[in-house]
Amino acid sequence: MNPFKKLAILLLLTALAGALTPWHGQSAPPGNKRYTLYAPLNFNGTPVECNSYLTWQKPQLPGGGTPAGLAGYNIYRDGSLVKGISSGETLYWYDYSLATGTYSYTITASYDLAAYGSPGQFGESPPSGPVSIIMNCDFPFPFYESWDMGNFSGYSWQFHPSQLNWVVATNQGNPAPTAMFNGSPGVTNYESRLESFSLYGKPYLCANMFLEFDYKLADFTTSGTEKLEAEYFIDNTWYPVFEITNVGSTGWVHQKIDISQTVGKQFKVGFRASGLNSGNIASWSVDNIRAYALCKGPAGCGYSKSGNTVHLFWQHPDCDSLQGVMGYNVYRRDLPGVTYTKLNAPLVTGYYFDDVIPIGFPYTQFKYLIEAMHFDLLTNSFLCGAFCDTLDVDLTQGIPTKVKPQTTVFPNPANDYITVQSNVPLGLCELLTASGQIVGSWTGGKKITLTIPVSALSPGIYMIRVRNGSESFTRKIAVMH
């Protein structure tokens, strides 16, 4: 075909395509009549306590006035529709009870297309926005609820899907008041969760997390069809951790539940009442709700002694993330004293400490404590300290002490190097592949710390093997670049 003819046909097709395609923000009803769906004006938002307050103005025609067919508005949060407003006269909306985070909002106008020749159809304008709102609304952690305020608003408790029969009973409790799910008025095939607001567990990276509460059942029928569950919420999912059914009335019962899956996360706790017929019970009661963290102390604490020196050693706490552990404190108590004295000035960042007892010191018996210091990495503020077991030392001159080797390897996973640290002089150190092939060996000599480069190794799993005389220590490490 002649190239000029090809070009002419291409231009014709392009023109036809443009004629058949609506403009941005427009729709094309039957007959291809063009029109513009104007967006809302002056869309703004601001945080108000734990809510987003959004405002806007009506769309306007170029010459002034409200466009025909304006039916309402659609509000989107982070790209998902969260509210459809069915009146063009409503010019504000609250997005209630938001957790800490940054939220992005857009708004569109909704139109009844009957005004544009398409009865029964609706169209949507282009979006206005986005409006970004930063929310900082987590409640303090650790968390304790005794219902002393006499209502659910003190810690912004919520209900899902509805409150149903949850009340705060001011004349009952352990002690009064208490949260209570009443059997009356009767509801069938029901469920209602009393859920806390978001709790800020993010700083606790090396800890055990716990949920404690007291519960009580006043039963009528022992049918086993009505249920109370305790749950926690992370990663958009509720996880049950406790369940009891109505198989007989109880007194107040205390529960302590490990919820360490919430370590380092924002989370909620909840209590879900459900069943076939609430009239089978008089009430469930829940009181003295606590959520808290117990930071982990050093592992493998021990000591050796030589002359007037006590050599203390330990390993890092047993947890997946050591980022929040900034160092250690060492304390000594002289018997028969009752007070512990801190021996270090700056935090000890390694895994050993030598306490040299002055010649002629009046005591030879001591107690030692080693404390791991945990910090909030975002604020660089102290979170908590945690100890290992007390070490009792009798420093009797001239009696040798047999030392059991204690060896630590860190960091794990490793990138550029690993450090092998022991309480006794290191012997032969070997690095092996997962299949047992030796890829490097080093002699520790009289050192108690040895640094081994791993930057040239391929990423993967390796084994470090340390030989100290007749003792052998093997640890799996991961190399990541």
Protein backbone atom coordinates (compact mmCIF):
# COMPACT_ATOMS: atom_id res chain seq x y z
CA MET A 1 0.00 0.00 0.00
CA ASN A 2 1.12 3.53 -0.71
CA PRO A 3 2.80 4.98 2.41
CA PHE A 4 0.72 8.13 2.14
CA LYS A 5 -2.47 6.06 2.13
CA LYS A 6 -1.27 4.18 5.21
CA LEU A 7 -0.65 7.45 7.00
CA ALA A 8 -4.05 8.80 6.03
CA ILE A 9 -5.82 5.66 7.33
CA LEU A 10 -3.86 5.77 10.61
CA LEU A 11 -4.80 9.41 11.15
CA LEU A 12 -8.45 8.63 10.43
CA LEU A 13 -8.50 5.74 12.92
CA THR A 14 -6.83 7.90 15.56
CA ALA A 15 -9.42 10.62 15.05
CA LEU A 16 -12.27 8.12 15.30
CA ALA A 17 -10.78 6.65 18.49
CA GLY A 18 -10.57 10.12 20.01
CA ALA A 19 -14.16 10.83 19.08
CA LEU A 20 -15.36 7.66 20.75
CA THR A 21 -13.30 8.01 23.95
CA PRO A 22 -14.61 10.17 26.83
CA TRP A 23 -12.47 12.95 28.12
CA HIS A 24 -10.78 12.49 31.50
CA GLY A 25 -13.49 12.95 34.12
CA GLN A 26 -16.28 12.39 31.63
CA SER A 27 -18.60 9.58 30.67
CA ALA A 28 -20.17 8.81 27.34
CA PRO A 29 -23.85 7.77 27.51
CA PRO A 30 -25.66 6.18 24.55
CA GLY A 31 -25.45 8.49 21.61
CA ASN A 32 -21.97 9.62 22.69
CA LYS A 33 -23.13 12.94 24.15
CA ARG A 34 -20.21 14.51 25.94
CA TYR A 35 -20.39 16.00 29.41
CA THR A 36 -18.06 16.83 32.30
CA LEU A 37 -18.41 15.38 35.82
CA TYR A 38 -16.86 18.06 37.99
CA ALA A 39 -14.86 17.11 41.11
CA PRO A 40 -15.37 18.50 44.64
CA LEU A 41 -13.43 21.67 45.47
CA ASN A 42 -11.06 22.62 48.32
CA PHE A 43 -10.71 19.15 49.79
CA ASN A 44 -8.94 19.38 53.18
CA GLY A 45 -8.33 17.23 56.23
CA THR A 46 -6.96 17.50 59.74
CA PRO A 47 -6.42 15.09 62.65
CA VAL A 48 -8.80 15.57 65.59
CA GLU A 49 -7.72 13.35 68.48
CA CYS A 50 -7.83 9.89 66.88
CA ASN A 51 -10.08 10.86 63.96
CA SER A 52 -9.62 12.40 60.52
CA TYR A 53 -11.88 15.41 59.92
CA LEU A 54 -12.42 15.91 56.17
CA THR A 55 -14.11 18.91 54.53
CA TRP A 56 -14.80 20.00 50.94
CA GLN A 57 -17.01 22.23 48.82
CA LYS A 58 -19.51 21.38 46.13
CA PRO A 59 -18.33 21.05 42.53
CA GLN A 60 -18.98 24.15 40.45
CA LEU A 61 -19.68 24.85 36.81
CA PRO A 62 -17.21 27.18 35.05
CA GLY A 63 -19.74 29.99 35.16
CA GLY A 64 -20.86 29.24 38.70
CA GLY A 65 -23.60 27.05 40.09
CA THR A 66 -23.84 23.38 41.02
CA PRO A 67 -23.60 20.81 38.21
CA ALA A 68 -26.77 18.90 37.38
CA GLY A 69 -27.23 15.44 38.83
CA LEU A 70 -24.93 15.82 41.86
CA ALA A 71 -25.95 12.86 44.05
CA GLY A 72 -23.23 12.64 46.72
CA TYR A 73 -19.58 11.82 47.29
CA ASN A 74 -17.23 8.84 47.60
CA ILE A 75 -14.30 9.00 50.05
CA TYR A 76 -11.24 6.80 49.58
CA ARG A 77 -8.59 6.04 52.19
CA ASP A 78 -5.29 4.68 50.85
CA GLY A 79 -7.02 3.81 47.59
CA SER A 80 -9.97 1.92 49.10
CA LEU A 81 -13.54 3.21 49.35
CA VAL A 82 -14.37 3.88 53.01
CA LYS A 83 -17.52 6.01 52.78
CA GLY A 84 -20.27 6.68 50.29
CA ILE A 85 -22.26 9.83 51.06
CA SER A 86 -25.70 9.95 49.47
CA SER A 87 -26.29 13.71 49.65
CA GLY A 88 -24.67 16.47 47.64
CA GLU A 89 -25.35 18.85 50.54
CA THR A 90 -23.06 17.02 53.01
CA LEU A 91 -19.67 18.72 53.02
CA TYR A 92 -17.76 17.02 55.88
CA TRP A 93 -17.04 13.57 57.27
CA TYR A 94 -15.18 12.08 60.26
CA ASP A 95 -13.07 8.94 59.84
CA TYR A 96 -13.20 7.66 63.40
CA SER A 97 -10.82 5.66 65.64
CA LEU A 98 -7.69 5.41 63.54
CA ALA A 99 -4.48 3.76 64.65
CA THR A 100 -1.11 5.50 64.48
CA GLY A 101 0.04 5.92 60.89
CA THR A 102 -0.14 8.11 57.79
CA TYR A 103 -3.36 8.09 55.77
CA SER A 104 -3.98 9.38 52.25
CA TYR A 105 -7.51 10.48 51.30
CA THR A 106 -9.17 11.34 48.00
CA ILE A 107 -12.77 12.27 47.24
CA THR A 108 -14.95 12.04 44.11
CA ALA A 109 -18.37 13.41 43.33
CA SER A 110 -21.15 10.98 42.40
CA TYR A 111 -23.66 11.95 39.71
CA ASP A 112 -27.07 10.67 38.63
CA LEU A 113 -26.64 10.42 34.87
CA ALA A 114 -30.37 10.81 34.22
CA ALA A 115 -29.59 14.52 33.91
CA TYR A 116 -27.26 13.63 31.02
CA GLY A 117 -29.58 11.34 29.12
CA SER A 118 -28.79 8.04 30.85
CA PRO A 119 -31.55 7.30 33.38
CA GLY A 120 -30.72 4.62 35.93
CA GLN A 121 -26.97 5.13 35.59
CA PHE A 122 -24.47 6.87 37.85
CA GLY A 123 -21.04 8.37 37.15
CA GLU A 124 -18.07 9.46 39.22
CA SER A 125 -15.86 12.50 38.82
CA PRO A 126 -12.06 12.49 38.86
CA PRO A 127 -10.66 12.56 42.40
CA SER A 128 -9.77 15.62 44.43
CA GLY A 129 -6.73 15.28 46.66
CA PRO A 130 -4.81 13.52 47.90
CA VAL A 131 -4.89 14.82 51.45
CA SER A 132 -2.32 13.25 53.77
CA ILE A 133 -3.02 13.01 57.52
CA ILE A 134 -0.50 11.83 60.10
CA MET A 135 -2.17 10.14 63.06
CA ASN A 136 -0.43 9.44 66.36
CA CYS A 137 -3.05 7.72 68.44
CA ASP A 138 -1.72 4.58 70.08
CA PHE A 139 -2.54 4.25 73.74
CA PRO A 140 0.35 3.97 76.18
CA PHE A 141 1.89 0.57 76.66
CA PRO A 142 1.93 -1.28 79.02
CA PHE A 143 -1.86 -1.14 79.22
CA TYR A 144 -4.25 -1.61 82.16
CA GLU A 145 -8.04 -1.35 82.21
CA SER A 146 -9.93 -1.65 85.51
CA TRP A 147 -13.08 0.15 84.26
CA ASP A 148 -12.76 2.70 87.09
CA MET A 149 -13.97 5.43 84.72
CA GLY A 150 -17.30 3.62 84.53
CA ASN A 151 -17.54 3.63 80.73
CA PHE A 152 -15.96 2.37 77.52
CA SER A 153 -14.66 5.75 76.37
CA GLY A 154 -11.65 6.04 78.68
CA TYR A 155 -9.48 3.90 76.40
CA SER A 156 -11.72 4.27 73.33
CA TRP A 157 -13.00 0.70 73.36
CA GLN A 158 -14.78 -0.26 70.15
CA PHE A 159 -17.36 -2.92 69.25
CA HIS A 160 -17.59 -5.15 66.21
CA PRO A 161 -19.94 -5.54 64.46
CA SER A 162 -22.03 -3.77 67.13
CA GLN A 163 -22.18 -3.23 70.89
CA LEU A 164 -25.20 -5.51 71.44
CA ASN A 165 -25.35 -6.29 75.20
CA TRP A 166 -21.93 -5.01 76.35
CA VAL A 167 -22.20 -2.62 79.31
CA VAL A 168 -20.02 -1.38 82.17
CA ALA A 169 -21.64 -2.66 85.37
CA THR A 170 -20.80 -0.23 88.18
CA ASN A 171 -22.16 -2.48 90.97
CA GLN A 172 -20.22 -5.64 90.07
CA GLY A 173 -16.60 -6.53 89.41
CA ASN A 174 -13.34 -7.75 90.93
CA PRO A 175 -13.65 -5.15 92.43
CA ALA A 176 -16.46 -3.10 90.85
CA PRO A 177 -16.92 -1.93 88.17
CA THR A 178 -16.49 -4.44 85.32
CA ALA A 179 -17.24 -4.89 81.64
CA MET A 180 -20.20 -7.24 81.18
CA PHE A 181 -21.98 -8.92 78.28
CA ASN A 182 -25.56 -9.51 79.43
CA GLY A 183 -27.74 -12.34 78.23
CA SER A 184 -30.75 -10.03 78.23
CA PRO A 185 -32.23 -8.78 75.98
CA GLY A 186 -31.96 -12.10 74.21
CA VAL A 187 -30.27 -12.24 70.80
CA THR A 188 -29.76 -15.28 68.61
CA ASN A 189 -26.91 -16.33 66.32
CA TYR A 190 -24.93 -13.37 67.60
CA GLU A 191 -21.37 -12.20 68.05
CA SER A 192 -19.97 -8.99 69.44
CA ARG A 193 -16.33 -8.18 70.08
CA LEU A 194 -15.22 -5.65 72.69
CA GLU A 195 -11.89 -4.51 71.28
CA SER A 196 -9.22 -2.16 72.57
CA PHE A 197 -7.67 0.66 70.65
CA SER A 198 -4.24 0.16 69.07
CA LEU A 199 -1.50 -0.54 71.63
CA TYR A 200 2.05 0.55 70.85
CA GLY A 201 4.22 -2.52 71.26
CA LYS A 202 6.66 -1.57 68.49
CA PRO A 203 9.63 -0.58 70.70
CA TYR A 204 9.69 -3.98 72.43
CA LEU A 205 11.89 -6.03 70.12
CA CYS A 206 13.38 -8.47 72.63
CA ALA A 207 10.67 -9.33 75.11
CA ASN A 208 7.86 -11.66 76.05
CA MET A 209 4.39 -10.11 75.76
CA PHE A 210 1.51 -11.07 78.04
CA LEU A 211 -2.24 -10.57 78.33
CA GLU A 212 -3.86 -10.93 81.77
CA PHE A 213 -7.50 -10.60 82.77
CA ASP A 214 -10.16 -11.88 85.16
CA TYR A 215 -13.40 -13.40 83.89
CA LYS A 216 -16.64 -14.66 85.41
CA LEU A 217 -19.68 -16.52 84.02
CA ALA A 218 -23.19 -16.40 85.45
CA ASP A 219 -24.84 -19.33 83.64
CA PHE A 220 -28.47 -20.41 83.26
CA THR A 221 -28.57 -23.54 81.09
CA THR A 222 -25.06 -25.13 80.87
CA SER A 223 -25.85 -25.58 77.17
CA GLY A 224 -22.25 -25.16 75.95
CA THR A 225 -23.54 -23.05 73.06
CA GLU A 226 -22.47 -19.61 74.34
CA LYS A 227 -18.81 -18.63 74.21
CA LEU A 228 -16.35 -15.99 75.39
CA GLU A 229 -12.99 -15.71 73.61
CA ALA A 230 -9.92 -13.57 74.29
CA GLU A 231 -8.06 -12.51 71.14
CA TYR A 232 -5.28 -10.27 69.90
CA PHE A 233 -5.10 -8.43 66.58
CA ILE A 234 -2.00 -8.02 64.39
CA ASP A 235 -1.46 -7.78 60.63
CA ASN A 236 -5.21 -7.29 59.98
CA THR A 237 -6.13 -10.60 61.62
CA TRP A 238 -7.69 -11.56 64.97
CA TYR A 239 -6.09 -14.55 66.70
CA PRO A 240 -7.95 -16.36 69.53
CA VAL A 241 -5.84 -17.25 72.59
CA PHE A 242 -8.49 -18.31 75.12
CA GLU A 243 -11.99 -19.79 74.97
CA ILE A 244 -14.64 -20.80 77.52
CA THR A 245 -18.21 -21.98 76.97
CA ASN A 246 -21.25 -21.89 79.26
CA VAL A 247 -20.97 -25.26 80.99
CA GLY A 248 -21.63 -23.89 84.47
CA SER A 249 -21.22 -20.70 86.46
CA THR A 250 -17.79 -19.70 87.73
CA GLY A 251 -16.37 -17.35 90.29
CA TRP A 252 -13.70 -14.89 89.25
CA VAL A 253 -10.94 -16.71 87.36
CA HIS A 254 -7.56 -15.16 86.51
CA GLN A 255 -5.85 -15.82 83.18
CA LYS A 256 -2.28 -15.04 82.06
CA ILE A 257 -1.59 -15.71 78.38
CA ASP A 258 1.62 -15.39 76.40
CA ILE A 259 1.00 -13.24 73.30
CA SER A 260 4.65 -12.84 72.27
CA GLN A 261 3.64 -12.94 68.59
CA THR A 262 2.86 -9.24 69.12
CA VAL A 263 6.52 -8.37 69.85
CA GLY A 264 7.56 -5.27 67.92
CA LYS A 265 4.05 -4.58 66.60
CA GLN A 266 1.04 -2.37 67.06
CA PHE A 267 -1.75 -4.61 68.28
CA LYS A 268 -5.17 -4.78 69.87
CA VAL A 269 -6.76 -7.10 72.42
CA GLY A 270 -10.39 -8.13 72.33
CA PHE A 271 -13.09 -10.21 74.02
CA ARG A 272 -15.69 -11.79 71.76
CA ALA A 273 -19.04 -13.00 73.03
CA SER A 274 -20.90 -15.27 70.62
CA GLY A 275 -23.43 -18.08 70.53
CA LEU A 276 -26.82 -19.39 69.54
CA ASN A 277 -29.03 -17.67 72.13
CA SER A 278 -27.73 -15.15 74.66
CA GLY A 279 -30.68 -15.99 76.90
CA ASN A 280 -28.82 -19.16 77.90
CA ILE A 281 -26.58 -17.06 80.17
CA ALA A 282 -27.06 -14.26 82.65
CA SER A 283 -23.72 -12.61 81.80
CA TRP A 284 -20.03 -12.80 80.97
CA SER A 285 -17.80 -10.40 82.93
CA VAL A 286 -14.23 -9.27 82.09
CA ASP A 287 -12.14 -7.21 84.51
CA ASN A 288 -8.55 -6.10 85.26
CA ILE A 289 -7.25 -6.34 81.69
CA ARG A 290 -3.48 -5.94 81.38
CA ALA A 291 -1.17 -6.11 78.37
CA TYR A 292 2.54 -5.71 79.02
CA ALA A 293 6.06 -6.73 78.03
CA LEU A 294 8.81 -8.41 80.02
CA CYS A 295 12.16 -7.66 78.44
CA LYS A 296 14.60 -10.53 78.22
CA GLY A 297 17.74 -10.66 80.32
CA PRO A 298 21.21 -11.93 79.37
CA ALA A 299 21.59 -15.65 78.72
CA GLY A 300 24.33 -18.01 79.88
CA CYS A 301 25.58 -15.85 82.76
CA GLY A 302 28.60 -17.27 84.57
CA TYR A 303 31.95 -16.47 86.10
CA SER A 304 35.49 -17.67 86.66
CA LYS A 305 37.99 -16.43 89.20
CA SER A 306 41.72 -16.05 89.28
CA GLY A 307 43.52 -14.56 92.25
CA ASN A 308 41.60 -11.44 93.23
CA THR A 309 39.81 -11.11 89.87
CA VAL A 310 36.26 -12.26 89.14
CA HIS A 311 35.76 -12.71 85.40
CA LEU A 312 32.03 -12.35 84.61
CA PHE A 313 30.64 -13.43 81.25
CA TRP A 314 27.27 -13.80 79.57
CA GLN A 315 25.53 -14.13 76.21
CA HIS A 316 23.03 -11.86 74.52
CA PRO A 317 19.34 -12.33 75.37
CA ASP A 318 17.57 -15.15 73.57
CA CYS A 319 15.52 -13.24 71.00
CA ASP A 320 15.27 -12.72 67.26
CA SER A 321 16.13 -9.01 67.31
CA LEU A 322 18.93 -7.53 69.41
CA GLN A 323 18.60 -4.02 67.96
CA GLY A 324 17.05 -2.57 71.10
CA VAL A 325 19.66 -4.04 73.49
CA MET A 326 22.16 -1.21 73.82
CA GLY A 327 24.45 -2.78 76.41
CA TYR A 328 24.75 -4.22 79.91
CA ASN A 329 25.21 -3.14 83.51
CA VAL A 330 27.09 -5.17 86.12
CA TYR A 331 26.22 -4.95 89.82
CA ARG A 332 27.98 -6.36 92.88
CA ARG A 333 26.72 -6.86 96.41
CA ASP A 334 29.31 -7.34 99.16
CA LEU A 335 28.14 -9.80 101.80
CA PRO A 336 26.80 -9.14 104.37
CA GLY A 337 25.63 -5.93 102.64
CA VAL A 338 22.15 -5.50 101.20
CA THR A 339 22.81 -2.94 98.46
CA TYR A 340 24.06 -3.64 94.94
CA THR A 341 26.63 -1.24 93.49
CA LYS A 342 26.95 -0.69 89.75
CA LEU A 343 30.52 -1.46 88.69
CA ASN A 344 30.57 -0.02 85.17
CA ALA A 345 30.27 3.62 84.12
CA PRO A 346 29.34 3.49 80.41
CA LEU A 347 27.27 0.53 79.29
CA VAL A 348 29.25 -2.63 78.67
CA THR A 349 28.80 -3.40 74.97
CA GLY A 350 30.65 -6.74 74.98
CA TYR A 351 29.86 -9.96 76.81
CA TYR A 352 32.33 -9.98 79.71
CA PHE A 353 33.50 -7.83 82.62
CA ASP A 354 36.46 -8.23 84.99
CA ASP A 355 35.91 -7.19 88.59
CA VAL A 356 39.26 -6.75 90.35
CA ILE A 357 38.84 -6.93 94.12
CA PRO A 358 41.32 -4.65 95.94
CA ILE A 359 44.00 -6.38 98.02
CA GLY A 360 42.94 -6.41 101.65
CA PHE A 361 39.23 -6.00 100.85
CA PRO A 362 37.29 -7.09 103.98
CA TYR A 363 34.92 -9.46 102.13
CA THR A 364 35.47 -12.52 99.96
CA GLN A 365 31.82 -13.42 99.26
CA PHE A 366 29.82 -11.52 96.66
CA LYS A 367 26.62 -11.58 94.65
CA TYR A 368 26.56 -10.31 91.06
CA LEU A 369 23.73 -9.22 88.77
CA ILE A 370 24.06 -8.62 85.03
CA GLU A 371 21.38 -6.45 83.43
CA ALA A 372 20.46 -6.10 79.73
CA MET A 373 19.42 -2.53 78.90
CA HIS A 374 16.63 -2.19 76.32
CA PHE A 375 15.95 1.10 74.49
CA ASP A 376 13.28 2.47 72.14
CA LEU A 377 15.19 2.90 68.88
CA LEU A 378 12.87 5.65 67.62
CA THR A 379 13.21 7.93 70.64
CA ASN A 380 16.50 6.60 72.04
CA SER A 381 14.75 6.39 75.42
CA PHE A 382 15.17 3.66 78.01
CA LEU A 383 12.47 0.97 77.96
CA CYS A 384 13.39 -1.61 80.54
CA GLY A 385 16.19 -3.54 82.17
CA ALA A 386 16.22 -7.31 82.66
CA PHE A 387 18.55 -9.46 84.75
CA CYS A 388 19.88 -12.97 84.51
CA ASP A 389 20.05 -15.15 87.62
CA THR A 390 22.13 -13.96 90.57
CA LEU A 391 25.72 -15.22 90.60
CA ASP A 392 27.13 -16.19 94.01
CA VAL A 393 30.92 -15.93 94.16
CA ASP A 394 33.19 -17.03 97.03
CA LEU A 395 36.58 -15.54 96.25
CA THR A 396 38.89 -17.79 98.26
CA GLN A 397 42.54 -17.21 97.45
CA GLY A 398 44.65 -20.15 96.30
CA ILE A 399 41.82 -22.47 95.29
CA PRO A 400 41.72 -22.85 91.51
CA THR A 401 38.37 -22.76 89.78
CA LYS A 402 37.64 -24.98 86.81
CA VAL A 403 36.09 -22.87 84.12
CA LYS A 404 33.50 -24.23 81.72
CA PRO A 405 33.98 -22.54 78.34
CA GLN A 406 31.19 -20.18 77.36
CA THR A 407 31.33 -19.10 73.71
CA THR A 408 29.24 -16.53 71.84
CA VAL A 409 29.11 -15.84 68.10
CA PHE A 410 27.63 -12.59 66.76
CA PRO A 411 26.14 -10.99 64.74
CA ASN A 412 23.85 -13.61 63.29
CA PRO A 413 22.94 -13.19 60.48
CA ALA A 414 26.29 -11.68 59.46
CA ASN A 415 27.28 -9.43 56.57
CA ASP A 416 30.97 -8.47 56.69
CA TYR A 417 32.34 -10.34 59.70
CA ILE A 418 31.51 -12.47 62.72
CA THR A 419 32.98 -12.20 66.20
CA VAL A 420 33.74 -15.27 68.32
CA GLN A 421 33.97 -14.44 72.02
CA SER A 422 34.71 -16.78 74.93
CA ASN A 423 35.44 -16.64 78.64
CA VAL A 424 38.60 -18.76 78.09
CA PRO A 425 41.41 -18.45 75.52
CA LEU A 426 40.18 -19.58 72.12
CA GLY A 427 41.62 -22.57 70.35
CA LEU A 428 41.12 -23.58 66.73
CA CYS A 429 38.16 -21.87 64.99
CA GLU A 430 36.87 -23.42 61.76
CA LEU A 431 34.21 -22.15 59.36
CA LEU A 432 32.36 -24.88 57.45
CA THR A 433 29.65 -25.04 54.83
CA ALA A 434 26.35 -26.68 55.68
CA SER A 435 27.67 -29.87 54.07
CA GLY A 436 30.76 -29.90 56.32
CA GLN A 437 33.41 -28.51 53.95
CA ILE A 438 35.98 -26.32 55.74
CA VAL A 439 36.23 -22.89 54.10
CA GLY A 440 38.57 -21.27 56.62
CA SER A 441 40.37 -21.82 59.93
CA TRP A 442 41.93 -19.50 62.49
CA THR A 443 43.95 -20.02 65.67
CA GLY A 444 42.79 -18.07 68.66
CA GLY A 445 46.05 -18.30 70.59
CA LYS A 446 45.58 -16.59 73.95
CA LYS A 447 42.82 -14.31 72.71
CA ILE A 448 39.27 -14.52 74.07
CA THR A 449 37.85 -12.56 71.08
CA LEU A 450 38.42 -13.35 67.42
CA THR A 451 37.04 -11.50 64.39
CA ILE A 452 36.48 -13.59 61.24
CA PRO A 453 35.74 -11.93 57.86
CA VAL A 454 32.83 -13.39 55.87
CA SER A 455 32.28 -10.69 53.23
CA ALA A 456 33.89 -12.86 50.52
CA LEU A 457 31.62 -15.83 51.22
CA SER A 458 28.53 -16.58 49.18
CA PRO A 459 25.28 -15.94 51.06
CA GLY A 460 24.00 -19.04 52.82
CA ILE A 461 24.13 -21.14 55.96
CA TYR A 462 27.51 -21.97 57.54
CA MET A 463 28.78 -23.60 60.73
CA ILE A 464 31.40 -22.13 63.07
CA ARG A 465 33.29 -24.75 65.11
CA VAL A 466 35.47 -23.71 68.06
CA ARG A 467 37.81 -26.09 69.86
CA ASN A 468 38.99 -25.18 73.37
CA GLY A 469 41.11 -28.09 74.56
CA SER A 470 38.77 -31.06 75.00
CA GLU A 471 35.69 -28.85 74.61
CA SER A 472 34.02 -28.22 71.25
CA PHE A 473 31.42 -25.60 70.39
CA THR A 474 29.42 -25.50 67.12
CA ARG A 475 26.97 -22.81 66.05
CA LYS A 476 24.96 -22.30 62.86
CA ILE A 477 25.24 -18.84 61.28
CA ALA A 478 23.67 -17.19 58.26
CA VAL A 479 25.73 -15.02 55.89
CA MET A 480 23.75 -12.33 54.10
CA HIS A 481 25.03 -9.55 51.83
